[in-house]
PDB file of N, CA and C in Angstrom:
ATOM      1  N   MET A   1     -78.996  20.427  95.310  1.00  0.00           N
ATOM      2  CA  MET A   1     -80.035  19.811  95.590  1.00  0.00           C
ATOM      3  C   MET A   1     -79.923  19.480  96.956  1.00  0.00           C
ATOM      4  N   SER A   2     -81.181  19.708  97.938  1.00  0.00           N
ATOM      5  CA  SER A   2     -81.725  19.266  99.258  1.00  0.00           C
ATOM      6  C   SER A   2     -82.336  18.275  99.154  1.00  0.00           C
ATOM      7  N   THR A   3     -82.561  17.598 100.418  1.00  0.00           N
ATOM      8  CA  THR A   3     -83.013  16.783 100.284  1.00  0.00           C
ATOM      9  C   THR A   3     -84.342  16.774 101.834  1.00  0.00           C
ATOM     10  N   ILE A   4     -85.068  15.754 101.727  1.00  0.00           N
ATOM     11  CA  ILE A   4     -86.141  15.834 103.265  1.00  0.00           C
ATOM     12  C   ILE A   4     -86.217  14.428 103.170  1.00  0.00           C
ATOM     13  N   GLY A   5     -86.447  14.535 104.864  1.00  0.00           N
ATOM     14  CA  GLY A   5     -86.400  13.372 105.376  1.00  0.00           C
ATOM     15  C   GLY A   5     -87.948  12.389 105.063  1.00  0.00           C
ATOM     16  N   VAL A   6     -87.654  11.351 105.266  1.00  0.00           N
ATOM     17  CA  VAL A   6     -89.034  10.459 104.623  1.00  0.00           C
ATOM     18  C   VAL A   6     -89.307   9.323 105.800  1.00  0.00           C
ATOM     19  N   ARG A   7     -90.469   9.637 106.252  1.00  0.00           N
ATOM     20  CA  ARG A   7     -91.072   8.732 107.708  1.00  0.00           C
ATOM     21  C   ARG A   7     -89.993   7.321 107.189  1.00  0.00           C
ATOM     22  N   PRO A   8     -90.189   6.113 108.316  1.00  0.00           N
ATOM     23  CA  PRO A   8     -89.873   4.964 107.887  1.00  0.00           C
ATOM     24  C   PRO A   8     -91.028   4.139 106.794  1.00  0.00           C
ATOM     25  N   ARG A   9     -92.403   4.799 107.131  1.00  0.00           N
ATOM     26  CA  ARG A   9     -93.331   3.775 106.560  1.00  0.00           C
ATOM     27  C   ARG A   9     -93.112   4.259 105.253  1.00  0.00           C
ATOM     28  N   ALA A  10     -93.038   5.249 104.970  1.00  0.00           N
ATOM     29  CA  ALA A  10     -93.101   5.908 103.559  1.00  0.00           C
ATOM     30  C   ALA A  10     -91.842   5.196 102.923  1.00  0.00           C
ATOM     31  N   ARG A  11     -90.681   5.170 103.759  1.00  0.00           N
ATOM     32  CA  ARG A  11     -89.857   4.913 102.945  1.00  0.00           C
ATOM     33  C   ARG A  11     -89.848   3.340 102.273  1.00  0.00           C
ATOM     34  N   ARG A  12     -90.709   2.646 103.375  1.00  0.00           N
ATOM     35  CA  ARG A  12     -91.003   1.138 103.125  1.00  0.00           C
ATOM     36  C   ARG A  12     -91.985   0.891 102.252  1.00  0.00           C
ATOM     37  N   ALA A  13     -92.796   1.915 101.755  1.00  0.00           N
ATOM     38  CA  ALA A  13     -93.731   2.074 100.449  1.00  0.00           C
ATOM     39  C   ALA A  13     -93.042   2.400  99.174  1.00  0.00           C
ATOM     40  N   LEU A  14     -92.254   2.913  99.369  1.00  0.00           N
ATOM     41  CA  LEU A  14     -91.230   3.110  97.898  1.00  0.00           C
ATOM     42  C   LEU A  14     -90.870   1.798  97.437  1.00  0.00           C
ATOM     43  N   VAL A  15     -90.970   1.848  95.953  1.00  0.00           N
ATOM     44  CA  VAL A  15     -91.026   1.098  95.035  1.00  0.00           C
ATOM     45  C   VAL A  15     -89.257   1.140  94.696  1.00  0.00           C
ATOM     46  N   SER A  16     -89.039   2.273  94.257  1.00  0.00           N
ATOM     47  CA  SER A  16     -87.935   2.547  93.546  1.00  0.00           C
ATOM     48  C   SER A  16     -87.177   3.802  94.910  1.00  0.00           C
ATOM     49  N   GLY A  17     -85.762   4.380  94.444  1.00  0.00           N
ATOM     50  CA  GLY A  17     -85.476   5.187  95.454  1.00  0.00           C
ATOM     51  C   GLY A  17     -85.916   6.760  95.283  1.00  0.00           C
ATOM     52  N   TYR A  18     -86.847   7.037  94.558  1.00  0.00           N
ATOM     53  CA  TYR A  18     -87.867   8.215  94.045  1.00  0.00           C
ATOM     54  C   TYR A  18     -89.268   8.121  94.992  1.00  0.00           C
ATOM     55  N   MET A  19     -89.164   9.555  95.314  1.00  0.00           N
ATOM     56  CA  MET A  19     -90.366   9.727  95.691  1.00  0.00           C
ATOM     57  C   MET A  19     -91.186  10.007  95.101  1.00  0.00           C
ATOM     58  N   PHE A  20     -91.586  10.641  93.669  1.00  0.00           N
ATOM     59  CA  PHE A  20     -92.451  10.722  92.740  1.00  0.00           C
ATOM     60  C   PHE A  20     -91.796  10.082  91.555  1.00  0.00           C
ATOM     61  N   THR A  21     -92.676   9.408  91.180  1.00  0.00           N
ATOM     62  CA  THR A  21     -92.447   8.460  89.433  1.00  0.00           C
ATOM     63  C   THR A  21     -93.316   8.646  88.689  1.00  0.00           C
ATOM     64  N   GLY A  22     -92.893   8.027  87.454  1.00  0.00           N
ATOM     65  CA  GLY A  22     -93.981   7.616  86.406  1.00  0.00           C
ATOM     66  C   GLY A  22     -94.423   6.547  87.068  1.00  0.00           C
ATOM     67  N   ARG A  23     -95.202   6.032  85.688  1.00  0.00           N
ATOM     68  CA  ARG A  23     -95.927   4.871  85.670  1.00  0.00           C
ATOM     69  C   ARG A  23     -95.149   3.428  85.922  1.00  0.00           C
ATOM     70  N   GLN A  24     -93.832   3.655  85.300  1.00  0.00           N
ATOM     71  CA  GLN A  24     -93.057   2.613  85.057  1.00  0.00           C
ATOM     72  C   GLN A  24     -91.818   2.653  86.362  1.00  0.00           C
ATOM     73  N   GLY A  25     -91.737   3.536  87.309  1.00  0.00           N
ATOM     74  CA  GLY A  25     -91.055   3.947  88.204  1.00  0.00           C
ATOM     75  C   GLY A  25     -89.699   4.911  87.981  1.00  0.00           C
ATOM     76  N   GLN A  26     -89.886   5.268  86.758  1.00  0.00           N
ATOM     77  CA  GLN A  26     -88.778   6.162  86.611  1.00  0.00           C
ATOM     78  C   GLN A  26     -88.743   7.441  87.249  1.00  0.00           C
ATOM     79  N   PRO A  27     -87.933   8.330  87.571  1.00  0.00           N
ATOM     80  CA  PRO A  27     -87.901   9.836  87.871  1.00  0.00           C
ATOM     81  C   PRO A  27     -89.010  10.604  87.388  1.00  0.00           C
ATOM     82  N   LEU A  28     -89.492  11.030  87.845  1.00  0.00           N
ATOM     83  CA  LEU A  28     -90.236  12.444  87.005  1.00  0.00           C
ATOM     84  C   LEU A  28     -89.533  13.391  86.184  1.00  0.00           C
ATOM     85  N   ARG A  29     -89.949  14.009  84.902  1.00  0.00           N
ATOM     86  CA  ARG A  29     -89.091  15.065  84.271  1.00  0.00           C
ATOM     87  C   ARG A  29     -89.729  15.867  84.914  1.00  0.00           C
ATOM     88  N   ARG A  30     -88.786  17.086  84.969  1.00  0.00           N
ATOM     89  CA  ARG A  30     -89.605  18.590  85.388  1.00  0.00           C
ATOM     90  C   ARG A  30     -90.599  18.845  84.591  1.00  0.00           C
ATOM     91  N   ASP A  31     -90.373  19.168  83.045  1.00  0.00           N
ATOM     92  CA  ASP A  31     -91.431  19.671  82.418  1.00  0.00           C
ATOM     93  C   ASP A  31     -92.642  18.629  82.741  1.00  0.00           C
ATOM     94  N   ASN A  32     -92.975  17.222  82.989  1.00  0.00           N
ATOM     95  CA  ASN A  32     -94.039  16.363  83.443  1.00  0.00           C
ATOM     96  C   ASN A  32     -94.435  16.628  84.212  1.00  0.00           C
ATOM     97  N   VAL A  33     -93.824  17.060  85.323  1.00  0.00           N
ATOM     98  CA  VAL A  33     -94.438  17.578  86.660  1.00  0.00           C
ATOM     99  C   VAL A  33     -95.148  18.918  86.268  1.00  0.00           C
ATOM    100  N   THR A  34     -94.299  19.826  85.736  1.00  0.00           N
ATOM    101  CA  THR A  34     -94.464  21.163  85.642  1.00  0.00           C
ATOM    102  C   THR A  34     -96.266  21.415  85.046  1.00  0.00           C
ATOM    103  N   ASN A  35     -96.072  20.330  83.669  1.00  0.00           N
ATOM    104  CA  ASN A  35     -97.547  20.053  82.625  1.00  0.00           C
ATOM    105  C   ASN A  35     -98.415  19.660  83.600  1.00  0.00           C
ATOM    106  N   ARG A  36     -98.320  18.279  84.362  1.00  0.00           N
ATOM    107  CA  ARG A  36     -99.497  18.137  85.362  1.00  0.00           C
ATOM    108  C   ARG A  36     -99.795  19.098  86.438  1.00  0.00           C
ATOM    109  N   PHE A  37     -99.089  19.733  86.915  1.00  0.00           N
ATOM    110  CA  PHE A  37     -99.544  20.979  88.083  1.00  0.00           C
ATOM    111  C   PHE A  37    -100.333  21.921  87.208  1.00  0.00           C
ATOM    112  N   ASN A  38    -100.076  22.473  86.043  1.00  0.00           N
ATOM    113  CA  ASN A  38    -100.449  23.700  85.337  1.00  0.00           C
ATOM    114  C   ASN A  38    -101.931  23.233  84.789  1.00  0.00           C
ATOM    115  N   GLN A  39    -102.125  21.593  84.698  1.00  0.00           N
ATOM    116  CA  GLN A  39    -103.400  20.746  84.294  1.00  0.00           C
ATOM    117  C   GLN A  39    -104.445  20.897  85.693  1.00  0.00           C
ATOM    118  N   LEU A  40    -103.496  20.723  86.817  1.00  0.00           N
ATOM    119  CA  LEU A  40    -104.347  20.732  88.041  1.00  0.00           C
ATOM    120  C   LEU A  40    -104.959  22.081  88.001  1.00  0.00           C
ATOM    121  N   ALA A  41    -103.859  22.976  88.108  1.00  0.00           N
ATOM    122  CA  ALA A  41    -104.147  24.149  88.506  1.00  0.00           C
ATOM    123  C   ALA A  41    -105.636  25.328  87.931  1.00  0.00           C
ATOM    124  N   VAL A  42    -105.455  24.933  86.558  1.00  0.00           N
ATOM    125  CA  VAL A  42    -106.612  25.034  85.513  1.00  0.00           C
ATOM    126  C   VAL A  42    -108.094  24.550  85.952  1.00  0.00           C
ATOM    127  N   SER A  43    -107.895  23.117  85.972  1.00  0.00           N
ATOM    128  CA  SER A  43    -109.181  22.613  86.424  1.00  0.00           C
ATOM    129  C   SER A  43    -109.913  23.141  87.669  1.00  0.00           C
ATOM    130  N   ALA A  44    -108.631  23.424  88.699  1.00  0.00           N
ATOM    131  CA  ALA A  44    -109.202  24.141  90.194  1.00  0.00           C
ATOM    132  C   ALA A  44    -109.513  25.539  89.667  1.00  0.00           C
ATOM    133  N   GLY A  45    -109.738  26.178  88.506  1.00  0.00           N
ATOM    134  CA  GLY A  45    -109.755  27.472  88.528  1.00  0.00           C
ATOM    135  C   GLY A  45    -108.779  28.689  88.885  1.00  0.00           C
ATOM    136  N   VAL A  46    -107.740  27.791  88.911  1.00  0.00           N
ATOM    137  CA  VAL A  46    -106.273  29.055  89.484  1.00  0.00           C
ATOM    138  C   VAL A  46    -105.114  29.425  88.867  1.00  0.00           C
ATOM    139  N   ARG A  47    -104.715  30.041  88.612  1.00  0.00           N
ATOM    140  CA  ARG A  47    -103.529  30.627  87.727  1.00  0.00           C
ATOM    141  C   ARG A  47    -102.271  29.657  87.835  1.00  0.00           C
ATOM    142  N   PRO A  48    -102.209  29.092  86.870  1.00  0.00           N
ATOM    143  CA  PRO A  48    -100.638  28.397  86.797  1.00  0.00           C
ATOM    144  C   PRO A  48     -99.364  29.060  87.373  1.00  0.00           C
ATOM    145  N   LEU A  49     -98.818  28.123  88.040  1.00  0.00           N
ATOM    146  CA  LEU A  49     -97.498  28.569  88.650  1.00  0.00           C
ATOM    147  C   LEU A  49     -96.561  27.739  88.610  1.00  0.00           C
ATOM    148  N   GLY A  50     -95.144  28.273  88.038  1.00  0.00           N
ATOM    149  CA  GLY A  50     -94.310  27.420  88.331  1.00  0.00           C
ATOM    150  C   GLY A  50     -93.464  26.886  88.976  1.00  0.00           C
ATOM    151  N   PRO A  51     -92.182  26.105  89.100  1.00  0.00           N
ATOM    152  CA  PRO A  51     -92.040  25.945  90.763  1.00  0.00           C
ATOM    153  C   PRO A  51     -91.427  26.710  91.469  1.00  0.00           C
ATOM    154  N   HIS A  52     -90.451  27.467  90.510  1.00  0.00           N
ATOM    155  CA  HIS A  52     -90.289  28.816  91.110  1.00  0.00           C
ATOM    156  C   HIS A  52     -90.616  29.805  91.714  1.00  0.00           C
ATOM    157  N   GLN A  53     -92.056  29.914  91.302  1.00  0.00           N
ATOM    158  CA  GLN A  53     -92.927  30.911  91.342  1.00  0.00           C
ATOM    159  C   GLN A  53     -93.532  30.420  92.509  1.00  0.00           C
ATOM    160  N   ILE A  54     -93.708  28.993  92.833  1.00  0.00           N
ATOM    161  CA  ILE A  54     -94.337  28.456  94.062  1.00  0.00           C
ATOM    162  C   ILE A  54     -93.472  28.343  95.344  1.00  0.00           C
ATOM    163  N   ARG A  55     -92.076  28.016  95.012  1.00  0.00           N
ATOM    164  CA  ARG A  55     -90.990  28.326  96.206  1.00  0.00           C
ATOM    165  C   ARG A  55     -91.036  29.668  96.625  1.00  0.00           C
ATOM    166  N   HIS A  56     -91.206  30.656  95.971  1.00  0.00           N
ATOM    167  CA  HIS A  56     -91.338  32.083  96.039  1.00  0.00           C
ATOM    168  C   HIS A  56     -92.665  32.790  97.274  1.00  0.00           C
ATOM    169  N   VAL A  57     -93.741  31.775  96.682  1.00  0.00           N
ATOM    170  CA  VAL A  57     -94.607  32.289  97.675  1.00  0.00           C
ATOM    171  C   VAL A  57     -94.631  31.662  98.747  1.00  0.00           C
ATOM    172  N   VAL A  58     -94.176  30.040  99.047  1.00  0.00           N
ATOM    173  CA  VAL A  58     -93.671  29.736 100.048  1.00  0.00           C
ATOM    174  C   VAL A  58     -92.861  29.975 101.078  1.00  0.00           C
ATOM    175  N   ALA A  59     -92.024  30.360 100.369  1.00  0.00           N
ATOM    176  CA  ALA A  59     -90.953  30.920 101.472  1.00  0.00           C
ATOM    177  C   ALA A  59     -91.707  32.735 101.865  1.00  0.00           C
ATOM    178  N   SER A  60     -92.377  33.298 100.858  1.00  0.00           N
ATOM    179  CA  SER A  60     -92.607  34.560 101.338  1.00  0.00           C
ATOM    180  C   SER A  60     -94.034  34.471 102.521  1.00  0.00           C
ATOM    181  N   ASN A  61     -94.712  33.714 102.249  1.00  0.00           N
ATOM    182  CA  ASN A  61     -96.084  33.388 103.313  1.00  0.00           C
ATOM    183  C   ASN A  61     -95.191  32.781 104.521  1.00  0.00           C
ATOM    184  N   LEU A  62     -93.901  32.116 104.585  1.00  0.00           N
ATOM    185  CA  LEU A  62     -93.569  31.325 105.650  1.00  0.00           C
ATOM    186  C   LEU A  62     -93.128  32.613 106.854  1.00  0.00           C
ATOM    187  N   LEU A  63     -92.173  33.364 106.011  1.00  0.00           N
ATOM    188  CA  LEU A  63     -91.607  34.509 106.568  1.00  0.00           C
ATOM    189  C   LEU A  63     -92.976  34.851 107.237  1.00  0.00           C
ATOM    190  N   ASP A  64     -93.685  35.629 106.256  1.00  0.00           N
ATOM    191  CA  ASP A  64     -95.015  36.321 106.730  1.00  0.00           C
ATOM    192  C   ASP A  64     -95.661  35.794 107.620  1.00  0.00           C
ATOM    193  N   LEU A  65     -95.688  34.514 108.198  1.00  0.00           N
ATOM    194  CA  LEU A  65     -96.247  33.554 109.227  1.00  0.00           C
ATOM    195  C   LEU A  65     -95.580  33.777 110.619  1.00  0.00           C
ATOM    196  N   GLY A  66     -94.474  34.363 110.265  1.00  0.00           N
ATOM    197  CA  GLY A  66     -93.328  34.717 111.568  1.00  0.00           C
ATOM    198  C   GLY A  66     -92.419  33.590 111.838  1.00  0.00           C
ATOM    199  N   TYR A  67     -91.893  32.339 110.761  1.00  0.00           N
ATOM    200  CA  TYR A  67     -91.110  31.479 110.649  1.00  0.00           C
ATOM    201  C   TYR A  67     -89.868  32.584 110.432  1.00  0.00           C
ATOM    202  N   GLY A  68     -88.315  32.265 111.408  1.00  0.00           N
ATOM    203  CA  GLY A  68     -87.384  32.306 111.263  1.00  0.00           C
ATOM    204  C   GLY A  68     -86.654  31.932 109.922  1.00  0.00           C
ATOM    205  N   ILE A  69     -86.151  33.434 109.558  1.00  0.00           N
ATOM    206  CA  ILE A  69     -84.946  33.020 108.684  1.00  0.00           C
ATOM    207  C   ILE A  69     -84.181  32.043 108.111  1.00  0.00           C
ATOM    208  N   ALA A  70     -83.596  31.368 109.334  1.00  0.00           N
ATOM    209  CA  ALA A  70     -82.746  30.113 109.293  1.00  0.00           C
ATOM    210  C   ALA A  70     -83.786  29.108 108.893  1.00  0.00           C
ATOM    211  N   GLU A  71     -85.186  29.164 109.654  1.00  0.00           N
ATOM    212  CA  GLU A  71     -85.471  27.880 109.598  1.00  0.00           C
ATOM    213  C   GLU A  71     -86.218  28.149 108.257  1.00  0.00           C
ATOM    214  N   VAL A  72     -86.600  29.136 107.835  1.00  0.00           N
ATOM    215  CA  VAL A  72     -87.077  29.160 105.700  1.00  0.00           C
ATOM    216  C   VAL A  72     -85.977  28.609 105.176  1.00  0.00           C
ATOM    217  N   ALA A  73     -85.101  29.374 105.176  1.00  0.00           N
ATOM    218  CA  ALA A  73     -83.632  29.239 104.694  1.00  0.00           C
ATOM    219  C   ALA A  73     -83.648  27.211 104.315  1.00  0.00           C
ATOM    220  N   GLU A  74     -83.314  26.862 105.590  1.00  0.00           N
ATOM    221  CA  GLU A  74     -82.988  25.606 106.019  1.00  0.00           C
ATOM    222  C   GLU A  74     -83.790  24.339 105.177  1.00  0.00           C
ATOM    223  N   ARG A  75     -85.319  24.727 105.170  1.00  0.00           N
ATOM    224  CA  ARG A  75     -86.468  24.573 104.538  1.00  0.00           C
ATOM    225  C   ARG A  75     -86.160  24.647 102.814  1.00  0.00           C
ATOM    226  N   LEU A  76     -85.840  25.455 102.147  1.00  0.00           N
ATOM    227  CA  LEU A  76     -85.648  25.611 101.080  1.00  0.00           C
ATOM    228  C   LEU A  76     -84.415  25.134 100.828  1.00  0.00           C
ATOM    229  N   GLY A  77     -83.414  25.059 101.375  1.00  0.00           N
ATOM    230  CA  GLY A  77     -81.986  24.661 101.131  1.00  0.00           C
ATOM    231  C   GLY A  77     -81.241  25.508 100.573  1.00  0.00           C
ATOM    232  N   HIS A  78     -81.089  26.720 101.595  1.00  0.00           N
ATOM    233  CA  HIS A  78     -80.607  28.054 101.020  1.00  0.00           C
ATOM    234  C   HIS A  78     -79.444  28.403 102.594  1.00  0.00           C
ATOM    235  N   ASP A  79     -78.825  29.492 102.066  1.00  0.00           N
ATOM    236  CA  ASP A  79     -78.349  29.847 103.132  1.00  0.00           C
ATOM    237  C   ASP A  79     -78.824  31.427 103.465  1.00  0.00           C
ATOM    238  N   PRO A  80     -79.078  31.767 104.721  1.00  0.00           N
ATOM    239  CA  PRO A  80     -80.078  33.120 105.043  1.00  0.00           C
ATOM    240  C   PRO A  80     -79.757  33.898 104.299  1.00  0.00           C
ATOM    241  N   ALA A  81     -78.754  33.980 103.672  1.00  0.00           N
ATOM    242  CA  ALA A  81     -78.368  35.236 103.065  1.00  0.00           C
ATOM    243  C   ALA A  81     -79.225  35.407 101.349  1.00  0.00           C
ATOM    244  N   THR A  82     -78.692  34.095 100.822  1.00  0.00           N
ATOM    245  CA  THR A  82     -79.867  34.153  99.776  1.00  0.00           C
ATOM    246  C   THR A  82     -81.211  34.077  99.856  1.00  0.00           C
ATOM    247  N   LEU A  83     -81.671  33.136 101.208  1.00  0.00           N
ATOM    248  CA  LEU A  83     -83.334  33.788 100.990  1.00  0.00           C
ATOM    249  C   LEU A  83     -83.466  34.821 101.097  1.00  0.00           C
ATOM    250  N   MET A  84     -82.981  35.731 102.267  1.00  0.00           N
ATOM    251  CA  MET A  84     -83.581  37.021 102.244  1.00  0.00           C
ATOM    252  C   MET A  84     -83.075  38.033 100.762  1.00  0.00           C
ATOM    253  N   ARG A  85     -82.294  37.608  99.803  1.00  0.00           N
ATOM    254  CA  ARG A  85     -82.238  38.460  99.016  1.00  0.00           C
ATOM    255  C   ARG A  85     -83.421  37.809  97.896  1.00  0.00           C
ATOM    256  N   TYR A  86     -83.773  36.451  97.564  1.00  0.00           N
ATOM    257  CA  TYR A  86     -84.570  35.842  96.787  1.00  0.00           C
ATOM    258  C   TYR A  86     -85.777  35.826  97.130  1.00  0.00           C
ATOM    259  N   TYR A  87     -86.336  35.673  98.218  1.00  0.00           N
ATOM    260  CA  TYR A  87     -87.211  35.014  98.504  1.00  0.00           C
ATOM    261  C   TYR A  87     -88.484  36.345  99.701  1.00  0.00           C
ATOM    262  N   SER A  88     -87.589  37.359 100.308  1.00  0.00           N
ATOM    263  CA  SER A  88     -88.215  38.358 101.158  1.00  0.00           C
ATOM    264  C   SER A  88     -89.018  39.374 100.172  1.00  0.00           C
ATOM    265  N   ARG A  89     -90.143  39.665 100.964  1.00  0.00           N
ATOM    266  CA  ARG A  89     -90.435  40.551 100.555  1.00  0.00           C
ATOM    267  C   ARG A  89     -91.539  41.896 101.494  1.00  0.00           C
ATOM    268  N   ALA A  90     -91.475  42.628 101.159  1.00  0.00           N
ATOM    269  CA  ALA A  90     -92.281  43.787 102.131  1.00  0.00           C
ATOM    270  C   ALA A  90     -93.777  43.780 101.407  1.00  0.00           C
ATOM    271  N   ASN A  91     -94.758  43.301 102.499  1.00  0.00           N
ATOM    272  CA  ASN A  91     -96.109  43.199 101.938  1.00  0.00           C
ATOM    273  C   ASN A  91     -96.885  44.622 102.426  1.00  0.00           C
ATOM    274  N   ALA A  92     -97.420  45.367 102.040  1.00  0.00           N
ATOM    275  CA  ALA A  92     -98.380  46.455 102.362  1.00  0.00           C
ATOM    276  C   ALA A  92     -99.046  46.389 103.719  1.00  0.00           C
ATOM    277  N   GLY A  93     -99.316  45.228 103.859  1.00  0.00           N
ATOM    278  CA  GLY A  93    -100.381  45.065 105.382  1.00  0.00           C
ATOM    279  C   GLY A  93     -99.221  45.190 106.954  1.00  0.00           C
ATOM    280  N   ARG A  94     -97.950  44.045 106.386  1.00  0.00           N
ATOM    281  CA  ARG A  94     -96.813  44.006 107.460  1.00  0.00           C
ATOM    282  C   ARG A  94     -96.093  45.669 107.571  1.00  0.00           C
ATOM    283  N   ARG A  95     -95.867  46.452 106.202  1.00  0.00           N
ATOM    284  CA  ARG A  95     -95.382  47.767 105.827  1.00  0.00           C
ATOM    285  C   ARG A  95     -96.247  48.452 107.323  1.00  0.00           C
ATOM    286  N   ARG A  96     -97.499  48.376 107.008  1.00  0.00           N
ATOM    287  CA  ARG A  96     -98.287  49.319 107.892  1.00  0.00           C
ATOM    288  C   ARG A  96     -98.365  48.800 109.798  1.00  0.00           C
ATOM    289  N   GLN A  97     -97.889  47.525 109.865  1.00  0.00           N
ATOM    290  CA  GLN A  97     -98.142  46.933 111.036  1.00  0.00           C
ATOM    291  C   GLN A  97     -96.815  47.465 111.632  1.00  0.00           C
ATOM    292  N   ALA A  98     -95.514  47.368 111.059  1.00  0.00           N
ATOM    293  CA  ALA A  98     -94.703  48.056 111.357  1.00  0.00           C
ATOM    294  C   ALA A  98     -95.025  49.399 111.765  1.00  0.00           C
ATOM    295  N   ALA A  99     -95.367  50.495 110.847  1.00  0.00           N
ATOM    296  CA  ALA A  99     -95.302  51.587 111.095  1.00  0.00           C
ATOM    297  C   ALA A  99     -96.183  51.762 112.603  1.00  0.00           C
ATOM    298  N   ASP A 100     -97.283  50.953 112.697  1.00  0.00           N
ATOM    299  CA  ASP A 100     -98.338  51.171 113.617  1.00  0.00           C
ATOM    300  C   ASP A 100     -97.449  50.841 115.001  1.00  0.00           C
ATOM    301  N   ASP A 101     -96.468  49.683 115.103  1.00  0.00           N
ATOM    302  CA  ASP A 101     -95.998  49.476 116.371  1.00  0.00           C
ATOM    303  C   ASP A 101     -94.910  50.380 116.922  1.00  0.00           C
ATOM    304  N   ILE A 102     -94.284  50.965 115.761  1.00  0.00           N
ATOM    305  CA  ILE A 102     -93.376  51.922 116.024  1.00  0.00           C
ATOM    306  C   ILE A 102     -94.044  53.407 116.319  1.00  0.00           C
ATOM    307  N   ALA A 103     -95.093  53.615 116.128  1.00  0.00           N
ATOM    308  CA  ALA A 103     -96.073  54.738 116.450  1.00  0.00           C
ATOM    309  C   ALA A 103     -96.352  54.216 118.097  1.00  0.00           C
ATOM    310  N   GLY A 104     -96.497  52.793 118.104  1.00  0.00           N
ATOM    311  CA  GLY A 104     -97.360  52.588 119.619  1.00  0.00           C
ATOM    312  C   GLY A 104     -95.918  52.973 120.447  1.00  0.00           C
ATOM    313  N   LEU A 105     -94.694  52.676 120.319  1.00  0.00           N
ATOM    314  CA  LEU A 105     -93.833  52.893 121.322  1.00  0.00           C
ATOM    315  C   LEU A 105     -92.909  54.454 121.461  1.00  0.00           C
ATOM    316  N   ILE A 106     -93.356  55.103 120.619  1.00  0.00           N
ATOM    317  CA  ILE A 106     -92.996  56.452 120.496  1.00  0.00           C
ATOM    318  C   ILE A 106     -94.182  57.282 120.987  1.00  0.00           C
ATOM    319  N   THR A 107     -95.583  57.172 120.973  1.00  0.00           N
ATOM    320  CA  THR A 107     -96.490  58.223 121.076  1.00  0.00           C
ATOM    321  C   THR A 107     -96.535  58.254 122.278  1.00  0.00           C
ATOM    322  N   PRO A 108     -96.338  57.499 123.380  1.00  0.00           N
ATOM    323  CA  PRO A 108     -96.515  57.967 124.682  1.00  0.00           C
ATOM    324  C   PRO A 108     -95.053  59.146 125.170  1.00  0.00           C
ATOM    325  N   ASP A 109     -94.451  58.876 124.458  1.00  0.00           N
ATOM    326  CA  ASP A 109     -92.989  60.198 124.867  1.00  0.00           C
ATOM    327  C   ASP A 109     -93.489  61.464 124.144  1.00  0.00           C
ATOM    328  N   LEU A 110     -93.860  61.195 122.961  1.00  0.00           N
ATOM    329  CA  LEU A 110     -94.436  62.266 122.335  1.00  0.00           C
ATOM    330  C   LEU A 110     -95.652  62.990 122.312  1.00  0.00           C
ATOM    331  N   ASP A 111     -96.547  62.430 123.178  1.00  0.00           N
ATOM    332  CA  ASP A 111     -97.274  62.958 123.762  1.00  0.00           C
ATOM    333  C   ASP A 111     -97.142  63.671 125.062  1.00  0.00           C
ATOM    334  N   ALA A 112     -96.035  63.062 125.709  1.00  0.00           N
ATOM    335  CA  ALA A 112     -95.819  63.873 127.117  1.00  0.00           C
ATOM    336  C   ALA A 112     -94.727  65.184 126.459  1.00  0.00           C
ATOM    337  N   ALA A 113     -93.958  64.740 125.641  1.00  0.00           N
ATOM    338  CA  ALA A 113     -93.172  66.088 125.070  1.00  0.00           C
ATOM    339  C   ALA A 113     -94.066  67.024 124.700  1.00  0.00           C
ATOM    340  N   VAL A 114     -95.146  66.897 124.087  1.00  0.00           N
ATOM    341  CA  VAL A 114     -96.343  68.225 123.325  1.00  0.00           C
ATOM    342  C   VAL A 114     -96.658  69.016 124.846  1.00  0.00           C
ATOM    343  N   GLY A 115     -97.129  67.473 125.886  1.00  0.00           N
ATOM    344  CA  GLY A 115     -97.633  68.210 126.895  1.00  0.00           C
ATOM    345  C   GLY A 115     -96.621  69.441 127.783  1.00  0.00           C
ATOM    346  N   VAL A 116     -95.367  69.256 127.626  1.00  0.00           N
ATOM    347  CA  VAL A 116     -94.519  70.005 128.529  1.00  0.00           C
ATOM    348  C   VAL A 116     -94.387  71.237 127.547  1.00  0.00           C
ATOM    349  N   LEU A 117     -94.030  71.161 126.033  1.00  0.00           N
ATOM    350  CA  LEU A 117     -94.439  72.193 125.499  1.00  0.00           C
ATOM    351  C   LEU A 117     -95.261  73.187 125.460  1.00  0.00           C
ATOM    352  N   ASN A 118     -96.793  72.543 125.618  1.00  0.00           N
ATOM    353  CA  ASN A 118     -97.643  73.290 125.531  1.00  0.00           C
ATOM    354  C   ASN A 118     -97.626  74.179 126.739  1.00  0.00           C
ATOM    355  N   ALA A 119     -97.161  73.334 127.998  1.00  0.00           N
ATOM    356  CA  ALA A 119     -97.328  73.749 129.499  1.00  0.00           C
ATOM    357  C   ALA A 119     -96.401  75.342 129.309  1.00  0.00           C
ATOM    358  N   ALA A 120     -95.089  75.232 128.689  1.00  0.00           N
ATOM    359  CA  ALA A 120     -94.283  76.661 128.687  1.00  0.00           C
ATOM    360  C   ALA A 120     -95.274  77.716 127.979  1.00  0.00           C
TER     361      ALA A 120
END
């Protein structure tokens, strides 16, 4: 289990040692959190996602936004190898951009080579 830092002001506002609690201050059960989240998703008109799906989306989007593997792994409480195995994915836009970037690197040399061949 990983922990997150809490600002001093927020820490003082906590009645119990838990960040998220039920009405009586008891820790929330996972299924209660999932059920409530699903209710909110449905009321917002979006497809409900489970906690692991949300982690996957967050990790993948942070990687797509250019955050480093080590940064994202630390945020999720993983080592970088685990992060890459479970949360990285290639998306079509990134694959196209990678192909364009590589083409941009080799195209000038390719054009020069074709010019030399045509001149011969």
